[in-house]
N, C-alpha and C. Protein backbone atom coordinates (compact mmCIF):
# COMPACT_ATOMS: atom_id res chain seq x y z
N MET A 1 -0.94 -15.77 16.83
CA MET A 1 -1.65 -14.52 16.81
C MET A 1 -1.48 -13.81 15.46
N ILE A 2 -0.30 -13.85 14.89
CA ILE A 2 -0.05 -13.20 13.59
C ILE A 2 -0.93 -13.82 12.52
N ASN A 3 -1.10 -15.13 12.55
CA ASN A 3 -1.91 -15.81 11.56
C ASN A 3 -3.38 -15.41 11.69
N ILE A 4 -3.86 -15.19 12.90
CA ILE A 4 -5.25 -14.81 13.13
C ILE A 4 -5.49 -13.34 12.74
N GLN A 5 -4.57 -12.45 13.13
CA GLN A 5 -4.75 -11.01 12.89
C GLN A 5 -4.28 -10.57 11.51
N ASN A 6 -3.56 -11.43 10.82
CA ASN A 6 -2.96 -11.08 9.52
C ASN A 6 -1.97 -9.93 9.64
N ALA A 7 -1.40 -9.76 10.82
CA ALA A 7 -0.44 -8.68 11.03
C ALA A 7 0.31 -8.90 12.33
N SER A 8 1.48 -8.28 12.39
CA SER A 8 2.22 -8.16 13.63
C SER A 8 2.28 -6.67 13.92
N LEU A 9 1.62 -6.25 14.98
CA LEU A 9 1.48 -4.82 15.24
C LEU A 9 2.63 -4.24 16.07
N GLU A 10 3.58 -5.05 16.44
CA GLU A 10 4.74 -4.58 17.18
C GLU A 10 5.86 -4.22 16.19
N PRO A 11 6.59 -3.15 16.46
CA PRO A 11 7.67 -2.79 15.54
C PRO A 11 8.85 -3.75 15.65
N VAL A 12 9.59 -3.84 14.57
CA VAL A 12 10.84 -4.58 14.53
C VAL A 12 11.94 -3.56 14.31
N PHE A 13 12.95 -3.58 15.17
CA PHE A 13 14.04 -2.61 15.10
C PHE A 13 15.18 -3.22 14.30
N LEU A 14 15.49 -2.60 13.15
CA LEU A 14 16.56 -3.06 12.29
C LEU A 14 17.74 -2.10 12.39
N THR A 15 18.91 -2.64 12.20
CA THR A 15 20.11 -1.81 12.17
C THR A 15 21.01 -2.30 11.04
N PHE A 16 22.05 -1.55 10.75
CA PHE A 16 22.99 -1.92 9.70
C PHE A 16 24.36 -1.39 10.07
N ARG A 17 25.36 -1.91 9.39
CA ARG A 17 26.72 -1.47 9.68
C ARG A 17 26.85 0.04 9.46
N ASP A 18 27.66 0.65 10.26
CA ASP A 18 27.81 2.11 10.25
C ASP A 18 28.78 2.56 9.14
N ASN A 19 28.45 2.18 7.92
CA ASN A 19 29.29 2.62 6.80
C ASN A 19 28.42 3.13 5.65
N GLN A 20 27.24 3.60 5.98
CA GLN A 20 26.29 4.04 4.97
C GLN A 20 26.09 5.55 5.08
N GLU A 21 27.10 6.30 4.67
CA GLU A 21 27.08 7.75 4.83
C GLU A 21 25.89 8.41 4.14
N ALA A 22 25.50 7.92 2.98
CA ALA A 22 24.39 8.54 2.26
C ALA A 22 23.09 8.45 3.07
N VAL A 23 22.87 7.32 3.74
CA VAL A 23 21.68 7.16 4.58
C VAL A 23 21.74 8.13 5.75
N HIS A 24 22.89 8.22 6.38
CA HIS A 24 23.05 9.13 7.52
C HIS A 24 22.83 10.59 7.09
N GLU A 25 23.32 10.94 5.92
CA GLU A 25 23.13 12.32 5.42
C GLU A 25 21.65 12.61 5.17
N LEU A 26 20.92 11.65 4.61
CA LEU A 26 19.49 11.83 4.40
C LEU A 26 18.74 11.98 5.71
N ILE A 27 19.09 11.16 6.69
CA ILE A 27 18.44 11.25 8.00
C ILE A 27 18.70 12.62 8.61
N GLU A 28 19.93 13.09 8.54
CA GLU A 28 20.27 14.41 9.08
C GLU A 28 19.47 15.50 8.39
N LYS A 29 19.37 15.42 7.07
CA LYS A 29 18.64 16.43 6.29
C LYS A 29 17.17 16.48 6.69
N VAL A 30 16.53 15.33 6.75
CA VAL A 30 15.10 15.27 7.06
C VAL A 30 14.82 15.68 8.50
N SER A 31 15.68 15.27 9.42
CA SER A 31 15.42 15.53 10.84
C SER A 31 15.78 16.96 11.27
N GLU A 32 16.31 17.77 10.36
CA GLU A 32 16.58 19.17 10.67
C GLU A 32 15.30 20.00 10.71
N ARG A 33 14.29 19.58 9.97
CA ARG A 33 13.03 20.34 9.94
C ARG A 33 12.14 19.95 11.10
N GLU A 34 11.06 20.70 11.27
CA GLU A 34 10.13 20.42 12.36
C GLU A 34 9.53 19.03 12.20
N CYS A 35 9.41 18.32 13.30
CA CYS A 35 8.88 16.96 13.24
C CYS A 35 7.37 16.98 12.99
N TYR A 36 6.88 15.88 12.44
CA TYR A 36 5.46 15.70 12.15
C TYR A 36 4.71 15.27 13.42
N ALA A 37 5.36 14.42 14.21
CA ALA A 37 4.75 13.93 15.44
C ALA A 37 5.85 13.63 16.45
N ASP A 38 5.54 13.85 17.71
CA ASP A 38 6.48 13.58 18.80
C ASP A 38 5.65 13.15 20.00
N CYS A 39 5.77 11.89 20.36
CA CYS A 39 4.97 11.41 21.50
C CYS A 39 5.80 10.43 22.34
N THR A 40 5.43 10.32 23.57
CA THR A 40 6.06 9.39 24.50
C THR A 40 4.99 8.43 25.00
N THR A 41 5.26 7.15 24.92
CA THR A 41 4.30 6.14 25.33
C THR A 41 4.28 6.00 26.85
N ASP A 42 3.31 5.24 27.33
CA ASP A 42 3.18 5.04 28.78
C ASP A 42 4.42 4.42 29.40
N ASP A 43 5.18 3.64 28.60
CA ASP A 43 6.40 3.03 29.13
C ASP A 43 7.63 3.90 28.87
N GLN A 44 7.38 5.19 28.60
CA GLN A 44 8.42 6.21 28.46
C GLN A 44 9.33 6.04 27.25
N VAL A 45 8.82 5.43 26.19
CA VAL A 45 9.56 5.34 24.93
C VAL A 45 9.11 6.50 24.05
N ARG A 46 10.07 7.29 23.60
CA ARG A 46 9.75 8.47 22.79
C ARG A 46 9.82 8.09 21.30
N HIS A 47 8.83 8.56 20.55
CA HIS A 47 8.75 8.33 19.11
C HIS A 47 8.64 9.68 18.42
N VAL A 48 9.55 9.94 17.49
CA VAL A 48 9.55 11.19 16.75
C VAL A 48 9.50 10.84 15.26
N LEU A 49 8.56 11.47 14.54
CA LEU A 49 8.38 11.18 13.12
C LEU A 49 8.57 12.45 12.30
N TRP A 50 9.20 12.31 11.14
CA TRP A 50 9.37 13.41 10.20
C TRP A 50 8.79 12.99 8.86
N ARG A 51 8.22 13.96 8.16
CA ARG A 51 7.72 13.71 6.80
C ARG A 51 8.87 13.80 5.82
N CYS A 52 8.81 12.95 4.82
CA CYS A 52 9.77 13.00 3.71
C CYS A 52 9.02 13.44 2.46
N THR A 53 9.72 14.14 1.60
CA THR A 53 9.15 14.43 0.29
C THR A 53 9.19 13.13 -0.51
N GLU A 54 8.48 13.11 -1.62
CA GLU A 54 8.52 11.92 -2.49
C GLU A 54 9.95 11.67 -2.96
N GLU A 55 10.67 12.73 -3.27
CA GLU A 55 12.06 12.59 -3.73
C GLU A 55 12.94 12.00 -2.62
N GLU A 56 12.77 12.49 -1.39
CA GLU A 56 13.56 11.96 -0.27
C GLU A 56 13.22 10.50 -0.01
N SER A 57 11.95 10.18 -0.09
CA SER A 57 11.53 8.80 0.10
C SER A 57 12.18 7.89 -0.94
N ALA A 58 12.19 8.33 -2.18
CA ALA A 58 12.83 7.55 -3.25
C ALA A 58 14.33 7.42 -3.00
N GLN A 59 14.94 8.48 -2.48
CA GLN A 59 16.38 8.41 -2.15
C GLN A 59 16.63 7.38 -1.04
N PHE A 60 15.77 7.38 0.00
CA PHE A 60 15.92 6.39 1.07
C PHE A 60 15.82 4.97 0.50
N VAL A 61 14.83 4.73 -0.32
CA VAL A 61 14.65 3.39 -0.90
C VAL A 61 15.89 3.02 -1.70
N SER A 62 16.36 3.94 -2.52
CA SER A 62 17.54 3.67 -3.35
C SER A 62 18.77 3.35 -2.50
N GLU A 63 18.99 4.12 -1.45
CA GLU A 63 20.16 3.89 -0.60
C GLU A 63 20.04 2.60 0.21
N PHE A 64 18.84 2.31 0.71
CA PHE A 64 18.67 1.08 1.49
C PHE A 64 18.81 -0.15 0.61
N GLU A 65 18.47 -0.05 -0.66
CA GLU A 65 18.65 -1.18 -1.58
C GLU A 65 20.14 -1.54 -1.74
N LYS A 66 21.02 -0.60 -1.46
CA LYS A 66 22.46 -0.83 -1.60
C LYS A 66 23.07 -1.49 -0.36
N ILE A 67 22.34 -1.53 0.73
CA ILE A 67 22.87 -2.11 1.98
C ILE A 67 22.81 -3.63 1.87
N PRO A 68 23.94 -4.30 2.01
CA PRO A 68 23.97 -5.75 1.79
C PRO A 68 23.27 -6.58 2.87
N ALA A 69 23.18 -6.05 4.10
CA ALA A 69 22.56 -6.84 5.17
C ALA A 69 21.99 -5.91 6.23
N LEU A 70 20.77 -6.23 6.66
CA LEU A 70 20.16 -5.55 7.81
C LEU A 70 20.15 -6.55 8.95
N TYR A 71 20.28 -6.08 10.16
CA TYR A 71 20.31 -6.94 11.33
C TYR A 71 19.12 -6.62 12.23
N VAL A 72 18.44 -7.65 12.70
CA VAL A 72 17.31 -7.46 13.60
C VAL A 72 17.88 -7.22 15.00
N ALA A 73 17.73 -6.00 15.49
CA ALA A 73 18.24 -5.65 16.81
C ALA A 73 17.21 -5.96 17.89
N ASP A 74 15.94 -5.88 17.55
CA ASP A 74 14.86 -6.23 18.47
C ASP A 74 13.67 -6.68 17.63
N GLY A 75 13.11 -7.81 17.97
CA GLY A 75 11.95 -8.31 17.23
C GLY A 75 12.22 -9.58 16.46
N HIS A 76 13.30 -10.29 16.80
CA HIS A 76 13.63 -11.49 16.03
C HIS A 76 12.55 -12.57 16.17
N HIS A 77 11.89 -12.64 17.33
CA HIS A 77 10.82 -13.64 17.47
C HIS A 77 9.62 -13.28 16.60
N ARG A 78 9.26 -11.99 16.53
CA ARG A 78 8.16 -11.56 15.67
C ARG A 78 8.51 -11.78 14.21
N THR A 79 9.75 -11.52 13.85
CA THR A 79 10.19 -11.73 12.48
C THR A 79 10.10 -13.20 12.11
N ALA A 80 10.58 -14.06 12.99
CA ALA A 80 10.53 -15.51 12.73
C ALA A 80 9.08 -16.00 12.66
N ALA A 81 8.22 -15.49 13.55
CA ALA A 81 6.82 -15.91 13.53
C ALA A 81 6.15 -15.48 12.23
N SER A 82 6.42 -14.27 11.77
CA SER A 82 5.85 -13.80 10.51
C SER A 82 6.33 -14.65 9.35
N TYR A 83 7.61 -14.98 9.35
CA TYR A 83 8.16 -15.84 8.31
C TYR A 83 7.45 -17.20 8.31
N ASN A 84 7.27 -17.77 9.49
CA ASN A 84 6.62 -19.08 9.59
C ASN A 84 5.18 -19.05 9.11
N VAL A 85 4.45 -17.98 9.42
CA VAL A 85 3.08 -17.83 8.91
C VAL A 85 3.10 -17.76 7.38
N GLY A 86 4.04 -17.03 6.84
CA GLY A 86 4.17 -16.95 5.38
C GLY A 86 4.43 -18.31 4.75
N LYS A 87 5.26 -19.10 5.39
CA LYS A 87 5.55 -20.45 4.86
C LYS A 87 4.31 -21.33 4.92
N ILE A 88 3.53 -21.22 6.00
CA ILE A 88 2.30 -22.01 6.13
C ILE A 88 1.32 -21.63 5.03
N ARG A 89 1.27 -20.37 4.68
CA ARG A 89 0.29 -19.89 3.71
C ARG A 89 0.70 -20.09 2.26
N GLU A 90 1.88 -20.54 1.99
CA GLU A 90 2.34 -20.75 0.60
C GLU A 90 1.49 -21.75 -0.13
């Protein structure tokens, strides 16, 4: 399906070791303000989104680049399927 649609529309949940204080501080800072969107899906999963300034976004990118490993907590099959499609298309 990924090869046909050119996308995987399901989210992949990533996590990392709990030793990244700068990332946690940025999340706390951004999530203190009013959220941009807050919705609950039919299966009762709540999604809350906050806007970042360009500076905050750059800080997130910079801090995440320092994290040595991310772990797929949910979505490993979608991740593997996307990887395999990429290999086929090389």
